[in-house]
PDB file of all heavy atoms in Angstrom:
ATOM      1  N   PRO A   1     383.062  61.234 197.698  1.00  0.00           N
ATOM      2  CA  PRO A   1     383.202  59.970 196.897  1.00  0.00           C
ATOM      3  C   PRO A   1     382.519  59.921 195.564  1.00  0.00           C
ATOM      4  O   PRO A   1     382.726  59.051 194.748  1.00  0.00           O
ATOM      5  CB  PRO A   1     382.560  59.065 197.935  1.00  0.00           C
ATOM      6  CG  PRO A   1     381.626  59.909 198.763  1.00  0.00           C
ATOM      7  CD  PRO A   1     382.345  61.128 198.896  1.00  0.00           C
ATOM      8  N   PHE A   2     381.577  60.834 195.297  1.00  0.00           N
ATOM      9  CA  PHE A   2     380.876  60.828 194.003  1.00  0.00           C
ATOM     10  C   PHE A   2     381.739  61.585 193.014  1.00  0.00           C
ATOM     11  O   PHE A   2     381.370  61.424 191.796  1.00  0.00           O
ATOM     12  CB  PHE A   2     379.535  61.473 194.130  1.00  0.00           C
ATOM     13  CG  PHE A   2     378.522  60.720 194.943  1.00  0.00           C
ATOM     14  CD1 PHE A   2     378.402  60.804 196.258  1.00  0.00           C
ATOM     15  CD2 PHE A   2     377.715  59.832 194.318  1.00  0.00           C
ATOM     16  CE1 PHE A   2     377.451  60.097 196.997  1.00  0.00           C
ATOM     17  CE2 PHE A   2     376.776  59.082 194.926  1.00  0.00           C
ATOM     18  CZ  PHE A   2     376.632  59.107 196.326  1.00  0.00           C
ATOM     19  N   LEU A   3     382.737  62.325 193.306  1.00  0.00           N
ATOM     20  CA  LEU A   3     383.449  63.188 192.434  1.00  0.00           C
ATOM     21  C   LEU A   3     384.959  63.121 192.584  1.00  0.00           C
ATOM     22  O   LEU A   3     385.538  63.416 191.572  1.00  0.00           O
ATOM     23  CB  LEU A   3     382.982  64.675 192.669  1.00  0.00           C
ATOM     24  CG  LEU A   3     381.491  65.064 192.465  1.00  0.00           C
ATOM     25  CD1 LEU A   3     381.216  66.464 192.978  1.00  0.00           C
ATOM     26  CD2 LEU A   3     381.066  64.868 191.007  1.00  0.00           C
ATOM     27  N   GLY A   4     385.423  62.837 193.739  1.00  0.00           N
ATOM     28  CA  GLY A   4     386.851  63.000 193.959  1.00  0.00           C
ATOM     29  C   GLY A   4     387.792  62.153 192.994  1.00  0.00           C
ATOM     30  O   GLY A   4     388.773  62.719 192.484  1.00  0.00           O
ATOM     31  N   GLY A   5     387.596  60.899 192.943  1.00  0.00           N
ATOM     32  CA  GLY A   5     388.493  60.055 192.191  1.00  0.00           C
ATOM     33  C   GLY A   5     388.515  60.484 190.754  1.00  0.00           C
ATOM     34  O   GLY A   5     389.656  60.566 190.102  1.00  0.00           O
ATOM     35  N   GLY A   6     387.338  60.718 190.086  1.00  0.00           N
ATOM     36  CA  GLY A   6     387.284  61.116 188.755  1.00  0.00           C
ATOM     37  C   GLY A   6     387.905  62.505 188.415  1.00  0.00           C
ATOM     38  O   GLY A   6     388.634  62.724 187.465  1.00  0.00           O
ATOM     39  N   ALA A   7     387.750  63.442 189.480  1.00  0.00           N
ATOM     40  CA  ALA A   7     388.241  64.646 189.367  1.00  0.00           C
ATOM     41  C   ALA A   7     389.827  64.715 189.408  1.00  0.00           C
ATOM     42  O   ALA A   7     390.546  65.443 188.674  1.00  0.00           O
ATOM     43  CB  ALA A   7     387.772  65.642 190.460  1.00  0.00           C
ATOM     44  N   ARG A   8     390.418  63.803 190.367  1.00  0.00           N
ATOM     45  CA  ARG A   8     391.868  63.683 190.391  1.00  0.00           C
ATOM     46  C   ARG A   8     392.420  63.059 189.150  1.00  0.00           C
ATOM     47  O   ARG A   8     393.454  63.559 188.768  1.00  0.00           O
ATOM     48  CB  ARG A   8     392.185  62.934 191.751  1.00  0.00           C
ATOM     49  CG  ARG A   8     391.852  63.663 193.003  1.00  0.00           C
ATOM     50  CD  ARG A   8     392.672  63.047 194.172  1.00  0.00           C
ATOM     51  NE  ARG A   8     392.227  61.762 194.531  1.00  0.00           N
ATOM     52  CZ  ARG A   8     391.176  61.426 195.244  1.00  0.00           C
ATOM     53  NH1 ARG A   8     390.548  62.427 195.819  1.00  0.00           N
ATOM     54  NH2 ARG A   8     390.885  60.210 195.608  1.00  0.00           N
ATOM     55  N   LEU A   9     391.764  62.057 188.649  1.00  0.00           N
ATOM     56  CA  LEU A   9     392.279  61.456 187.404  1.00  0.00           C
ATOM     57  C   LEU A   9     392.303  62.485 186.278  1.00  0.00           C
ATOM     58  O   LEU A   9     393.297  62.513 185.493  1.00  0.00           O
ATOM     59  CB  LEU A   9     391.402  60.313 187.091  1.00  0.00           C
ATOM     60  CG  LEU A   9     391.853  59.459 185.766  1.00  0.00           C
ATOM     61  CD1 LEU A   9     393.176  58.876 186.105  1.00  0.00           C
ATOM     62  CD2 LEU A   9     390.848  58.392 185.399  1.00  0.00           C
ATOM     63  N   ALA A  10     391.270  63.274 186.199  1.00  0.00           N
ATOM     64  CA  ALA A  10     391.114  64.288 185.177  1.00  0.00           C
ATOM     65  C   ALA A  10     392.025  65.497 185.365  1.00  0.00           C
ATOM     66  O   ALA A  10     392.064  66.424 184.552  1.00  0.00           O
ATOM     67  CB  ALA A  10     389.736  64.785 184.997  1.00  0.00           C
ATOM     68  N   ARG A  11     392.666  65.539 186.537  1.00  0.00           N
ATOM     69  CA  ARG A  11     393.462  66.586 186.965  1.00  0.00           C
ATOM     70  C   ARG A  11     392.787  67.987 186.969  1.00  0.00           C
ATOM     71  O   ARG A  11     393.263  69.036 186.637  1.00  0.00           O
ATOM     72  CB  ARG A  11     394.801  66.688 186.009  1.00  0.00           C
ATOM     73  CG  ARG A  11     395.964  65.934 186.561  1.00  0.00           C
ATOM     74  CD  ARG A  11     395.700  64.481 186.599  1.00  0.00           C
ATOM     75  NE  ARG A  11     396.816  63.651 187.193  1.00  0.00           N
ATOM     76  CZ  ARG A  11     396.909  62.428 187.244  1.00  0.00           C
ATOM     77  NH1 ARG A  11     396.051  61.682 186.604  1.00  0.00           N
ATOM     78  NH2 ARG A  11     398.006  61.819 187.810  1.00  0.00           N
ATOM     79  N   TYR A  12     391.543  67.875 187.537  1.00  0.00           N
ATOM     80  CA  TYR A  12     390.838  69.097 187.856  1.00  0.00           C
ATOM     81  C   TYR A  12     391.595  69.824 189.066  1.00  0.00           C
ATOM     82  O   TYR A  12     392.325  69.179 189.755  1.00  0.00           O
ATOM     83  CB  TYR A  12     389.403  68.876 188.306  1.00  0.00           C
ATOM     84  CG  TYR A  12     388.448  68.449 187.156  1.00  0.00           C
ATOM     85  CD1 TYR A  12     388.919  68.308 185.808  1.00  0.00           C
ATOM     86  CD2 TYR A  12     387.190  68.267 187.318  1.00  0.00           C
ATOM     87  CE1 TYR A  12     388.097  68.006 184.734  1.00  0.00           C
ATOM     88  CE2 TYR A  12     386.261  67.881 186.337  1.00  0.00           C
ATOM     89  CZ  TYR A  12     386.809  67.722 185.080  1.00  0.00           C
ATOM     90  OH  TYR A  12     385.892  67.459 184.089  1.00  0.00           O
ATOM     91  N   LEU A  13     391.403  71.151 189.040  1.00  0.00           N
ATOM     92  CA  LEU A  13     392.189  71.994 190.139  1.00  0.00           C
ATOM     93  C   LEU A  13     391.324  72.145 191.351  1.00  0.00           C
ATOM     94  O   LEU A  13     390.131  72.432 191.323  1.00  0.00           O
ATOM     95  CB  LEU A  13     392.475  73.240 189.428  1.00  0.00           C
ATOM     96  CG  LEU A  13     393.300  73.160 188.113  1.00  0.00           C
ATOM     97  CD1 LEU A  13     393.568  74.513 187.574  1.00  0.00           C
ATOM     98  CD2 LEU A  13     394.530  72.358 188.249  1.00  0.00           C
ATOM     99  N   ARG A  14     392.004  72.320 192.519  1.00  0.00           N
ATOM    100  CA  ARG A  14     391.407  72.547 193.747  1.00  0.00           C
ATOM    101  C   ARG A  14     391.529  73.972 194.076  1.00  0.00           C
ATOM    102  O   ARG A  14     392.602  74.600 193.756  1.00  0.00           O
ATOM    103  CB  ARG A  14     391.981  71.631 194.924  1.00  0.00           C
ATOM    104  CG  ARG A  14     391.497  70.197 194.697  1.00  0.00           C
ATOM    105  CD  ARG A  14     392.293  69.323 195.630  1.00  0.00           C
ATOM    106  NE  ARG A  14     392.292  69.797 197.004  1.00  0.00           N
ATOM    107  CZ  ARG A  14     392.666  69.038 198.105  1.00  0.00           C
ATOM    108  NH1 ARG A  14     393.015  67.838 197.924  1.00  0.00           N
ATOM    109  NH2 ARG A  14     392.589  69.549 199.291  1.00  0.00           N
ATOM    110  N   ASN A  15     390.515  74.610 194.719  1.00  0.00           N
ATOM    111  CA  ASN A  15     390.548  76.070 194.972  1.00  0.00           C
ATOM    112  C   ASN A  15     391.239  76.402 196.356  1.00  0.00           C
ATOM    113  O   ASN A  15     391.225  77.608 196.737  1.00  0.00           O
ATOM    114  CB  ASN A  15     389.165  76.604 194.900  1.00  0.00           C
ATOM    115  CG  ASN A  15     388.302  76.212 196.116  1.00  0.00           C
ATOM    116  OD1 ASN A  15     388.742  75.262 196.881  1.00  0.00           O
ATOM    117  ND2 ASN A  15     387.166  76.741 196.272  1.00  0.00           N
ATOM    118  N   ASP A  16     391.852  75.446 197.051  1.00  0.00           N
ATOM    119  CA  ASP A  16     392.350  75.718 198.387  1.00  0.00           C
ATOM    120  C   ASP A  16     393.881  76.221 198.330  1.00  0.00           C
ATOM    121  O   ASP A  16     394.494  76.449 199.371  1.00  0.00           O
ATOM    122  CB  ASP A  16     392.227  74.584 199.321  1.00  0.00           C
ATOM    123  CG  ASP A  16     392.889  73.343 198.755  1.00  0.00           C
ATOM    124  OD1 ASP A  16     393.271  73.369 197.592  1.00  0.00           O
ATOM    125  OD2 ASP A  16     392.913  72.259 199.480  1.00  0.00           O
ATOM    126  N   ASP A  17     394.502  76.229 197.211  1.00  0.00           N
ATOM    127  CA  ASP A  17     395.857  76.703 196.929  1.00  0.00           C
ATOM    128  C   ASP A  17     395.914  77.587 195.823  1.00  0.00           C
ATOM    129  O   ASP A  17     396.198  77.168 194.685  1.00  0.00           O
ATOM    130  CB  ASP A  17     396.766  75.460 196.782  1.00  0.00           C
ATOM    131  CG  ASP A  17     398.187  75.789 196.546  1.00  0.00           C
ATOM    132  OD1 ASP A  17     398.585  77.016 196.765  1.00  0.00           O
ATOM    133  OD2 ASP A  17     399.020  74.839 196.175  1.00  0.00           O
ATOM    134  N   PRO A  18     395.699  78.969 195.983  1.00  0.00           N
ATOM    135  CA  PRO A  18     395.702  79.861 194.864  1.00  0.00           C
ATOM    136  C   PRO A  18     396.932  79.928 194.024  1.00  0.00           C
ATOM    137  O   PRO A  18     396.824  79.971 192.834  1.00  0.00           O
ATOM    138  CB  PRO A  18     395.466  81.241 195.610  1.00  0.00           C
ATOM    139  CG  PRO A  18     394.863  80.918 196.856  1.00  0.00           C
ATOM    140  CD  PRO A  18     395.364  79.617 197.276  1.00  0.00           C
ATOM    141  N   PHE A  19     398.067  79.902 194.723  1.00  0.00           N
ATOM    142  CA  PHE A  19     399.276  79.944 193.875  1.00  0.00           C
ATOM    143  C   PHE A  19     399.503  78.606 193.098  1.00  0.00           C
ATOM    144  O   PHE A  19     399.997  78.621 191.917  1.00  0.00           O
ATOM    145  CB  PHE A  19     400.494  80.200 194.764  1.00  0.00           C
ATOM    146  CG  PHE A  19     400.423  81.577 195.465  1.00  0.00           C
ATOM    147  CD1 PHE A  19     400.034  81.747 196.769  1.00  0.00           C
ATOM    148  CD2 PHE A  19     400.695  82.726 194.781  1.00  0.00           C
ATOM    149  CE1 PHE A  19     399.992  82.939 197.350  1.00  0.00           C
ATOM    150  CE2 PHE A  19     400.565  84.020 195.224  1.00  0.00           C
ATOM    151  CZ  PHE A  19     400.255  84.010 196.621  1.00  0.00           C
ATOM    152  N   GLY A  20     399.258  77.486 193.713  1.00  0.00           N
ATOM    153  CA  GLY A  20     399.383  76.179 192.999  1.00  0.00           C
ATOM    154  C   GLY A  20     398.358  76.095 191.881  1.00  0.00           C
ATOM    155  O   GLY A  20     398.708  75.605 190.871  1.00  0.00           O
ATOM    156  N   LEU A  21     397.126  76.615 192.182  1.00  0.00           N
ATOM    157  CA  LEU A  21     396.120  76.695 191.133  1.00  0.00           C
ATOM    158  C   LEU A  21     396.568  77.392 189.835  1.00  0.00           C
ATOM    159  O   LEU A  21     396.403  76.912 188.779  1.00  0.00           O
ATOM    160  CB  LEU A  21     394.806  77.308 191.761  1.00  0.00           C
ATOM    161  CG  LEU A  21     393.505  77.159 190.891  1.00  0.00           C
ATOM    162  CD1 LEU A  21     392.265  77.222 191.740  1.00  0.00           C
ATOM    163  CD2 LEU A  21     393.400  78.276 189.820  1.00  0.00           C
ATOM    164  N   LEU A  22     397.068  78.583 190.152  1.00  0.00           N
ATOM    165  CA  LEU A  22     397.530  79.465 189.048  1.00  0.00           C
ATOM    166  C   LEU A  22     398.645  78.756 188.193  1.00  0.00           C
ATOM    167  O   LEU A  22     398.561  78.708 186.978  1.00  0.00           O
ATOM    168  CB  LEU A  22     398.063  80.802 189.553  1.00  0.00           C
ATOM    169  CG  LEU A  22     398.783  81.758 188.636  1.00  0.00           C
ATOM    170  CD1 LEU A  22     397.743  82.164 187.502  1.00  0.00           C
ATOM    171  CD2 LEU A  22     399.308  82.975 189.304  1.00  0.00           C
ATOM    172  N   LYS A  23     399.531  78.172 188.930  1.00  0.00           N
ATOM    173  CA  LYS A  23     400.677  77.502 188.245  1.00  0.00           C
ATOM    174  C   LYS A  23     400.199  76.367 187.372  1.00  0.00           C
ATOM    175  O   LYS A  23     400.559  76.178 186.225  1.00  0.00           O
ATOM    176  CB  LYS A  23     401.667  77.027 189.316  1.00  0.00           C
ATOM    177  CG  LYS A  23     402.941  76.201 188.763  1.00  0.00           C
ATOM    178  CD  LYS A  23     403.847  75.898 189.801  1.00  0.00           C
ATOM    179  CE  LYS A  23     405.101  75.145 189.344  1.00  0.00           C
ATOM    180  NZ  LYS A  23     404.758  73.859 188.750  1.00  0.00           N
ATOM    181  N   ARG A  24     399.336  75.507 188.016  1.00  0.00           N
ATOM    182  CA  ARG A  24     398.862  74.309 187.282  1.00  0.00           C
ATOM    183  C   ARG A  24     397.966  74.632 186.175  1.00  0.00           C
ATOM    184  O   ARG A  24     397.988  73.940 185.081  1.00  0.00           O
ATOM    185  CB  ARG A  24     398.179  73.344 188.273  1.00  0.00           C
ATOM    186  CG  ARG A  24     399.144  72.617 189.220  1.00  0.00           C
ATOM    187  CD  ARG A  24     398.488  71.551 190.014  1.00  0.00           C
ATOM    188  NE  ARG A  24     397.601  72.044 190.873  1.00  0.00           N
ATOM    189  CZ  ARG A  24     397.860  72.465 192.173  1.00  0.00           C
ATOM    190  NH1 ARG A  24     399.123  72.365 192.597  1.00  0.00           N
ATOM    191  NH2 ARG A  24     396.807  72.871 193.022  1.00  0.00           N
ATOM    192  N   ALA A  25     397.146  75.763 186.398  1.00  0.00           N
ATOM    193  CA  ALA A  25     396.201  76.034 185.246  1.00  0.00           C
ATOM    194  C   ALA A  25     397.026  76.670 184.072  1.00  0.00           C
ATOM    195  O   ALA A  25     396.671  76.389 182.878  1.00  0.00           O
ATOM    196  CB  ALA A  25     395.308  77.228 185.776  1.00  0.00           C
ATOM    197  N   VAL A  26     398.050  77.383 184.370  1.00  0.00           N
ATOM    198  CA  VAL A  26     398.866  77.930 183.327  1.00  0.00           C
ATOM    199  C   VAL A  26     399.554  76.842 182.457  1.00  0.00           C
ATOM    200  O   VAL A  26     399.627  76.810 181.246  1.00  0.00           O
ATOM    201  CB  VAL A  26     399.951  78.974 183.779  1.00  0.00           C
ATOM    202  CG1 VAL A  26     400.923  79.298 182.760  1.00  0.00           C
ATOM    203  CG2 VAL A  26     399.134  80.234 184.342  1.00  0.00           C
ATOM    204  N   GLU A  27     400.118  75.779 183.228  1.00  0.00           N
ATOM    205  CA  GLU A  27     400.777  74.701 182.613  1.00  0.00           C
ATOM    206  C   GLU A  27     399.814  73.923 181.651  1.00  0.00           C
ATOM    207  O   GLU A  27     400.124  73.510 180.613  1.00  0.00           O
ATOM    208  CB  GLU A  27     401.390  73.774 183.613  1.00  0.00           C
ATOM    209  CG  GLU A  27     402.599  74.362 184.329  1.00  0.00           C
ATOM    210  CD  GLU A  27     403.060  73.334 185.548  1.00  0.00           C
ATOM    211  OE1 GLU A  27     402.247  72.443 185.832  1.00  0.00           O
ATOM    212  OE2 GLU A  27     404.128  73.726 186.085  1.00  0.00           O
ATOM    213  N   ASP A  28     398.573  73.718 182.236  1.00  0.00           N
ATOM    214  CA  ASP A  28     397.560  72.926 181.408  1.00  0.00           C
ATOM    215  C   ASP A  28     397.202  73.734 180.265  1.00  0.00           C
ATOM    216  O   ASP A  28     397.118  73.095 179.163  1.00  0.00           O
ATOM    217  CB  ASP A  28     396.395  72.590 182.382  1.00  0.00           C
ATOM    218  CG  ASP A  28     395.701  71.407 181.970  1.00  0.00           C
ATOM    219  OD1 ASP A  28     395.443  71.125 180.675  1.00  0.00           O
ATOM    220  OD2 ASP A  28     395.229  70.563 182.740  1.00  0.00           O
ATOM    221  N   LEU A  29     396.969  74.989 180.290  1.00  0.00           N
ATOM    222  CA  LEU A  29     396.601  75.836 179.213  1.00  0.00           C
ATOM    223  C   LEU A  29     397.642  75.796 178.136  1.00  0.00           C
ATOM    224  O   LEU A  29     397.361  75.746 176.890  1.00  0.00           O
ATOM    225  CB  LEU A  29     396.136  77.177 179.614  1.00  0.00           C
ATOM    226  CG  LEU A  29     394.872  77.332 180.391  1.00  0.00           C
ATOM    227  CD1 LEU A  29     394.807  78.672 181.159  1.00  0.00           C
ATOM    228  CD2 LEU A  29     393.676  77.161 179.524  1.00  0.00           C
ATOM    229  N   ARG A  30     398.882  75.981 178.516  1.00  0.00           N
ATOM    230  CA  ARG A  30     400.014  75.971 177.593  1.00  0.00           C
ATOM    231  C   ARG A  30     400.133  74.645 176.798  1.00  0.00           C
ATOM    232  O   ARG A  30     400.756  74.566 175.754  1.00  0.00           O
ATOM    233  CB  ARG A  30     401.253  76.413 178.335  1.00  0.00           C
ATOM    234  CG  ARG A  30     401.293  77.910 178.702  1.00  0.00           C
ATOM    235  CD  ARG A  30     402.615  78.228 179.445  1.00  0.00           C
ATOM    236  NE  ARG A  30     402.713  79.646 179.705  1.00  0.00           N
ATOM    237  CZ  ARG A  30     403.559  80.245 180.539  1.00  0.00           C
ATOM    238  NH1 ARG A  30     404.491  79.414 181.087  1.00  0.00           N
ATOM    239  NH2 ARG A  30     403.657  81.481 180.610  1.00  0.00           N
ATOM    240  N   GLY A  31     399.725  73.568 177.510  1.00  0.00           N
ATOM    241  CA  GLY A  31     399.687  72.229 177.011  1.00  0.00           C
ATOM    242  C   GLY A  31     398.497  71.947 176.120  1.00  0.00           C
ATOM    243  O   GLY A  31     398.381  70.863 175.574  1.00  0.00           O
ATOM    244  N   GLY A  32     397.605  72.974 175.910  1.00  0.00           N
ATOM    245  CA  GLY A  32     396.536  72.673 175.019  1.00  0.00           C
ATOM    246  C   GLY A  32     395.158  72.497 175.719  1.00  0.00           C
ATOM    247  O   GLY A  32     394.101  72.236 175.004  1.00  0.00           O
ATOM    248  N   GLY A  33     395.129  72.612 177.083  1.00  0.00           N
ATOM    249  CA  GLY A  33     393.850  72.369 177.840  1.00  0.00           C
ATOM    250  C   GLY A  33     392.935  73.588 177.696  1.00  0.00           C
ATOM    251  O   GLY A  33     393.398  74.633 177.290  1.00  0.00           O
ATOM    252  N   GLN A  34     391.642  73.321 178.060  1.00  0.00           N
ATOM    253  CA  GLN A  34     390.665  74.383 178.075  1.00  0.00           C
ATOM    254  C   GLN A  34     390.089  74.467 179.485  1.00  0.00           C
ATOM    255  O   GLN A  34     389.597  73.564 180.090  1.00  0.00           O
ATOM    256  CB  GLN A  34     389.520  74.060 177.150  1.00  0.00           C
ATOM    257  CG  GLN A  34     389.888  73.928 175.673  1.00  0.00           C
ATOM    258  CD  GLN A  34     388.771  73.411 174.797  1.00  0.00           C
ATOM    259  OE1 GLN A  34     387.937  72.757 175.258  1.00  0.00           O
ATOM    260  NE2 GLN A  34     388.845  73.794 173.562  1.00  0.00           N
ATOM    261  N   LEU A  35     390.279  75.655 180.096  1.00  0.00           N
ATOM    262  CA  LEU A  35     389.803  75.861 181.477  1.00  0.00           C
ATOM    263  C   LEU A  35     388.430  76.416 181.465  1.00  0.00           C
ATOM    264  O   LEU A  35     388.119  77.459 180.879  1.00  0.00           O
ATOM    265  CB  LEU A  35     390.819  76.814 182.139  1.00  0.00           C
ATOM    266  CG  LEU A  35     390.399  77.285 183.587  1.00  0.00           C
ATOM    267  CD1 LEU A  35     390.279  76.049 184.589  1.00  0.00           C
ATOM    268  CD2 LEU A  35     391.404  78.213 184.127  1.00  0.00           C
TER     269      LEU A  35
END
């Protein structure tokens, strides 16, 4: 409750889905994000 809502709004990545994490990280980086 101290972190979840803000993290989801900021679209931080969760580590429980390695393939989804890779896909979303690549999309965000190609869009100008900094990981």
